[in-house]
Amino acid sequence: MRTWTIHEIVDACAMTTGELSQWISRGHFRPSVAVRPGQRRRFDWRDLACLAVMRMLRKHSLSLDGMALIVSDLRDDLAGMNDISDISGRSFFCADWGKKQPCPTVGLVTETDLFAVLKRRPETVIIVDVATVYRDAAGAIPVVTAAGGAAQ
């Protein structure tokens, strides 16, 4: 499975290494693989997808705690998937129902399921095409070629 360094990830997601390190240490972002102190962290496709979503959510001035909750739910949905192609045709959403329902509804759903949620008229809804924001972020990572010419 392809993995990336912290520098590749932060460049692709328009953040700093310090910012990402703080998000991890404060529990706002949970990487796929735990590391011991002093060990280099590598990030997989799930990490890149979640951080790309966080980047997109930042543009909408959501609080860090709010983004962390949304991305945590996305992380859970991505946990059992093999790669980004597994989410083809699905969108991730977070619907806030206001006083009608105290907890937001979140999930990685098909278009049909998303329409069903929208018909229930949530007060606010955030919809993210995870595959698209992932591809945009992945496209920002330069391909490094080894001596033999193969991508690492």
C-alpha atoms as a PDB file:
ATOM      1  CA  MET A   1       0.000   0.000   0.000  1.00  0.00           C
ATOM      2  CA  ARG A   2       1.265   3.453  -0.897  1.00  0.00           C
ATOM      3  CA  THR A   3       2.180   5.675   2.055  1.00  0.00           C
ATOM      4  CA  TRP A   4       3.479   9.222   2.328  1.00  0.00           C
ATOM      5  CA  THR A   5       5.696  11.210   4.673  1.00  0.00           C
ATOM      6  CA  ILE A   6       4.378  13.972   6.880  1.00  0.00           C
ATOM      7  CA  HIS A   7       5.978  16.535   4.562  1.00  0.00           C
ATOM      8  CA  GLU A   8       4.191  15.157   1.505  1.00  0.00           C
ATOM      9  CA  ILE A   9       0.872  15.057   3.348  1.00  0.00           C
ATOM     10  CA  VAL A  10       1.043  18.590   4.755  1.00  0.00           C
ATOM     11  CA  ASP A  11       2.055  20.033   1.391  1.00  0.00           C
ATOM     12  CA  ALA A  12      -0.851  18.259  -0.301  1.00  0.00           C
ATOM     13  CA  CYS A  13      -3.321  19.457   2.364  1.00  0.00           C
ATOM     14  CA  ALA A  14      -2.006  23.033   2.698  1.00  0.00           C
ATOM     15  CA  MET A  15      -0.976  22.862   6.345  1.00  0.00           C
ATOM     16  CA  THR A  16       2.239  22.830   8.332  1.00  0.00           C
ATOM     17  CA  THR A  17       3.965  19.892   9.993  1.00  0.00           C
ATOM     18  CA  GLY A  18       3.541  21.645  13.342  1.00  0.00           C
ATOM     19  CA  GLU A  19      -0.169  22.045  12.767  1.00  0.00           C
ATOM     20  CA  LEU A  20      -0.653  18.375  11.862  1.00  0.00           C
ATOM     21  CA  SER A  21       1.529  17.242  14.768  1.00  0.00           C
ATOM     22  CA  GLN A  22      -0.600  19.323  17.155  1.00  0.00           C
ATOM     23  CA  TRP A  23      -3.820  17.925  15.704  1.00  0.00           C
ATOM     24  CA  ILE A  24      -2.493  14.414  16.316  1.00  0.00           C
ATOM     25  CA  SER A  25      -1.182  15.091  19.822  1.00  0.00           C
ATOM     26  CA  ARG A  26      -4.413  16.824  20.880  1.00  0.00           C
ATOM     27  CA  GLY A  27      -6.586  14.040  19.487  1.00  0.00           C
ATOM     28  CA  HIS A  28      -8.166  16.066  16.666  1.00  0.00           C
ATOM     29  CA  PHE A  29      -6.781  13.678  14.060  1.00  0.00           C
ATOM     30  CA  ARG A  30      -6.165   9.959  14.479  1.00  0.00           C
ATOM     31  CA  PRO A  31      -3.644   8.546  11.976  1.00  0.00           C
ATOM     32  CA  SER A  32      -4.090   5.021  10.662  1.00  0.00           C
ATOM     33  CA  VAL A  33      -0.871   3.704  12.137  1.00  0.00           C
ATOM     34  CA  ALA A  34       0.307   4.403  15.674  1.00  0.00           C
ATOM     35  CA  VAL A  35       4.039   5.016  16.090  1.00  0.00           C
ATOM     36  CA  ARG A  36       6.433   4.911  18.999  1.00  0.00           C
ATOM     37  CA  PRO A  37       8.295   8.080  20.015  1.00  0.00           C
ATOM     38  CA  GLY A  38      11.160   8.753  17.621  1.00  0.00           C
ATOM     39  CA  GLN A  39       9.677   6.561  14.913  1.00  0.00           C
ATOM     40  CA  ARG A  40       8.828   8.151  11.546  1.00  0.00           C
ATOM     41  CA  ARG A  41       5.152   8.352  10.842  1.00  0.00           C
ATOM     42  CA  ARG A  42       3.804   7.258   7.452  1.00  0.00           C
ATOM     43  CA  PHE A  43       0.328   8.190   6.236  1.00  0.00           C
ATOM     44  CA  ASP A  44      -1.907   5.960   4.105  1.00  0.00           C
ATOM     45  CA  TRP A  45      -4.755   6.745   1.705  1.00  0.00           C
ATOM     46  CA  ARG A  46      -7.268   6.944   4.571  1.00  0.00           C
ATOM     47  CA  ASP A  47      -5.154   9.577   6.298  1.00  0.00           C
ATOM     48  CA  LEU A  48      -4.833  11.580   3.106  1.00  0.00           C
ATOM     49  CA  ALA A  49      -8.592  11.357   2.467  1.00  0.00           C
ATOM     50  CA  CYS A  50      -9.431  12.516   6.007  1.00  0.00           C
ATOM     51  CA  LEU A  51      -6.904  15.353   5.971  1.00  0.00           C
ATOM     52  CA  ALA A  52      -8.092  16.462   2.534  1.00  0.00           C
ATOM     53  CA  VAL A  53     -11.625  16.611   3.937  1.00  0.00           C
ATOM     54  CA  MET A  54     -10.363  18.617   6.929  1.00  0.00           C
ATOM     55  CA  ARG A  55      -8.694  21.013   4.502  1.00  0.00           C
ATOM     56  CA  MET A  56     -11.968  21.451   2.646  1.00  0.00           C
ATOM     57  CA  LEU A  57     -13.904  21.966   5.889  1.00  0.00           C
ATOM     58  CA  ARG A  58     -11.436  24.636   7.042  1.00  0.00           C
ATOM     59  CA  LYS A  59     -12.490  26.773   4.091  1.00  0.00           C
ATOM     60  CA  HIS A  60     -15.961  26.917   5.633  1.00  0.00           C
ATOM     61  CA  SER A  61     -14.733  28.196   9.005  1.00  0.00           C
ATOM     62  CA  LEU A  62     -15.760  25.156  11.024  1.00  0.00           C
ATOM     63  CA  SER A  63     -14.201  24.808  14.454  1.00  0.00           C
ATOM     64  CA  LEU A  64     -11.342  22.358  14.854  1.00  0.00           C
ATOM     65  CA  ASP A  65     -13.454  20.306  17.275  1.00  0.00           C
ATOM     66  CA  GLY A  66     -16.306  20.190  14.758  1.00  0.00           C
ATOM     67  CA  MET A  67     -13.981  19.121  11.950  1.00  0.00           C
ATOM     68  CA  ALA A  68     -12.395  16.501  14.188  1.00  0.00           C
ATOM     69  CA  LEU A  69     -15.784  14.936  14.990  1.00  0.00           C
ATOM     70  CA  ILE A  70     -16.764  14.816  11.326  1.00  0.00           C
ATOM     71  CA  VAL A  71     -13.418  13.361  10.247  1.00  0.00           C
ATOM     72  CA  SER A  72     -13.473  10.824  13.077  1.00  0.00           C
ATOM     73  CA  ASP A  73     -16.776   9.485  11.725  1.00  0.00           C
ATOM     74  CA  LEU A  74     -15.337   9.430   8.213  1.00  0.00           C
ATOM     75  CA  ARG A  75     -12.272   7.571   9.513  1.00  0.00           C
ATOM     76  CA  ASP A  76     -14.570   4.905  10.979  1.00  0.00           C
ATOM     77  CA  ASP A  77     -16.378   4.528   7.634  1.00  0.00           C
ATOM     78  CA  LEU A  78     -13.070   4.192   5.750  1.00  0.00           C
ATOM     79  CA  ALA A  79     -11.566   1.687   8.196  1.00  0.00           C
ATOM     80  CA  GLY A  80     -12.918  -1.408   6.482  1.00  0.00           C
ATOM     81  CA  MET A  81     -12.160  -0.299   2.939  1.00  0.00           C
ATOM     82  CA  ASN A  82      -9.202  -1.387   0.843  1.00  0.00           C
ATOM     83  CA  ASP A  83      -8.640   1.766  -1.188  1.00  0.00           C
ATOM     84  CA  ILE A  84     -10.262   4.984  -2.360  1.00  0.00           C
ATOM     85  CA  SER A  85     -12.050   3.210  -5.215  1.00  0.00           C
ATOM     86  CA  ASP A  86     -14.268   1.517  -2.594  1.00  0.00           C
ATOM     87  CA  ILE A  87     -16.099   4.814  -2.037  1.00  0.00           C
ATOM     88  CA  SER A  88     -16.957   5.338  -5.686  1.00  0.00           C
ATOM     89  CA  GLY A  89     -20.471   6.725  -6.015  1.00  0.00           C
ATOM     90  CA  ARG A  90     -20.705   7.718  -2.364  1.00  0.00           C
ATOM     91  CA  SER A  91     -20.578  11.036  -0.547  1.00  0.00           C
ATOM     92  CA  PHE A  92     -19.853  11.754   3.077  1.00  0.00           C
ATOM     93  CA  PHE A  93     -22.381  13.959   4.840  1.00  0.00           C
ATOM     94  CA  CYS A  94     -23.045  15.515   8.216  1.00  0.00           C
ATOM     95  CA  ALA A  95     -26.601  16.714   8.854  1.00  0.00           C
ATOM     96  CA  ASP A  96     -27.534  18.873  11.843  1.00  0.00           C
ATOM     97  CA  TRP A  97     -31.194  18.679  12.813  1.00  0.00           C
ATOM     98  CA  GLY A  98     -31.255  21.486  15.368  1.00  0.00           C
ATOM     99  CA  LYS A  99     -33.788  20.963  18.144  1.00  0.00           C
ATOM    100  CA  LYS A 100     -35.501  18.125  16.235  1.00  0.00           C
ATOM    101  CA  GLN A 101     -32.626  15.758  16.992  1.00  0.00           C
ATOM    102  CA  PRO A 102     -29.760  16.504  19.403  1.00  0.00           C
ATOM    103  CA  CYS A 103     -27.012  14.595  17.542  1.00  0.00           C
ATOM    104  CA  PRO A 104     -25.978  15.146  13.943  1.00  0.00           C
ATOM    105  CA  THR A 105     -26.322  12.321  11.460  1.00  0.00           C
ATOM    106  CA  VAL A 106     -23.192  11.393   9.522  1.00  0.00           C
ATOM    107  CA  GLY A 107     -22.214   8.773   7.035  1.00  0.00           C
ATOM    108  CA  LEU A 108     -20.684   7.696   3.776  1.00  0.00           C
ATOM    109  CA  VAL A 109     -23.751   7.079   1.626  1.00  0.00           C
ATOM    110  CA  THR A 110     -24.993   6.585  -1.913  1.00  0.00           C
ATOM    111  CA  GLU A 111     -26.731   9.366  -3.799  1.00  0.00           C
ATOM    112  CA  THR A 112     -30.135   7.766  -3.122  1.00  0.00           C
ATOM    113  CA  ASP A 113     -29.493   7.722   0.637  1.00  0.00           C
ATOM    114  CA  LEU A 114     -28.269  11.308   0.514  1.00  0.00           C
ATOM    115  CA  PHE A 115     -31.484  12.425  -1.192  1.00  0.00           C
ATOM    116  CA  ALA A 116     -33.465  10.682   1.551  1.00  0.00           C
ATOM    117  CA  VAL A 117     -31.545  12.675   4.176  1.00  0.00           C
ATOM    118  CA  LEU A 118     -32.109  15.952   2.310  1.00  0.00           C
ATOM    119  CA  LYS A 119     -35.858  15.248   2.030  1.00  0.00           C
ATOM    120  CA  ARG A 120     -36.002  15.215   5.838  1.00  0.00           C
ATOM    121  CA  ARG A 121     -34.855  18.876   5.734  1.00  0.00           C
ATOM    122  CA  PRO A 122     -31.915  19.132   8.125  1.00  0.00           C
ATOM    123  CA  GLU A 123     -31.132  22.622   9.433  1.00  0.00           C
ATOM    124  CA  THR A 124     -27.636  22.398   8.006  1.00  0.00           C
ATOM    125  CA  VAL A 125     -25.846  19.783   5.977  1.00  0.00           C
ATOM    126  CA  ILE A 126     -22.272  19.351   4.853  1.00  0.00           C
ATOM    127  CA  ILE A 127     -21.694  17.092   1.866  1.00  0.00           C
ATOM    128  CA  VAL A 128     -18.218  16.087   0.755  1.00  0.00           C
ATOM    129  CA  ASP A 129     -17.185  14.128  -2.301  1.00  0.00           C
ATOM    130  CA  VAL A 130     -14.320  12.375  -0.504  1.00  0.00           C
ATOM    131  CA  ALA A 131     -12.921  10.734  -3.626  1.00  0.00           C
ATOM    132  CA  THR A 132     -12.600  14.112  -5.363  1.00  0.00           C
ATOM    133  CA  VAL A 133     -10.879  15.910  -2.478  1.00  0.00           C
ATOM    134  CA  TYR A 134      -8.610  12.870  -2.077  1.00  0.00           C
ATOM    135  CA  ARG A 135      -7.662  12.917  -5.775  1.00  0.00           C
ATOM    136  CA  ASP A 136      -6.989  16.660  -5.610  1.00  0.00           C
ATOM    137  CA  ALA A 137      -4.677  16.197  -2.619  1.00  0.00           C
ATOM    138  CA  ALA A 138      -2.974  13.115  -4.072  1.00  0.00           C
ATOM    139  CA  GLY A 139      -2.421  15.010  -7.312  1.00  0.00           C
ATOM    140  CA  ALA A 140      -0.533  17.684  -5.370  1.00  0.00           C
ATOM    141  CA  ILE A 141       2.031  15.134  -4.161  1.00  0.00           C
ATOM    142  CA  PRO A 142       4.953  14.899  -6.553  1.00  0.00           C
ATOM    143  CA  VAL A 143       5.752  11.407  -7.795  1.00  0.00           C
ATOM    144  CA  VAL A 144       9.248  10.420  -6.685  1.00  0.00           C
ATOM    145  CA  THR A 145      10.976   7.911  -8.901  1.00  0.00           C
ATOM    146  CA  ALA A 146      13.536   5.443  -7.679  1.00  0.00           C
ATOM    147  CA  ALA A 147      16.734   4.581  -9.539  1.00  0.00           C
ATOM    148  CA  GLY A 148      14.858   1.961 -11.575  1.00  0.00           C
ATOM    149  CA  GLY A 149      12.226   4.484 -12.633  1.00  0.00           C
ATOM    150  CA  ALA A 150       9.368   3.012 -10.585  1.00  0.00           C
ATOM    151  CA  ALA A 151       7.239   5.263  -8.390  1.00  0.00           C
ATOM    152  CA  GLN A 152       7.690   4.701  -4.690  1.00  0.00           C
END
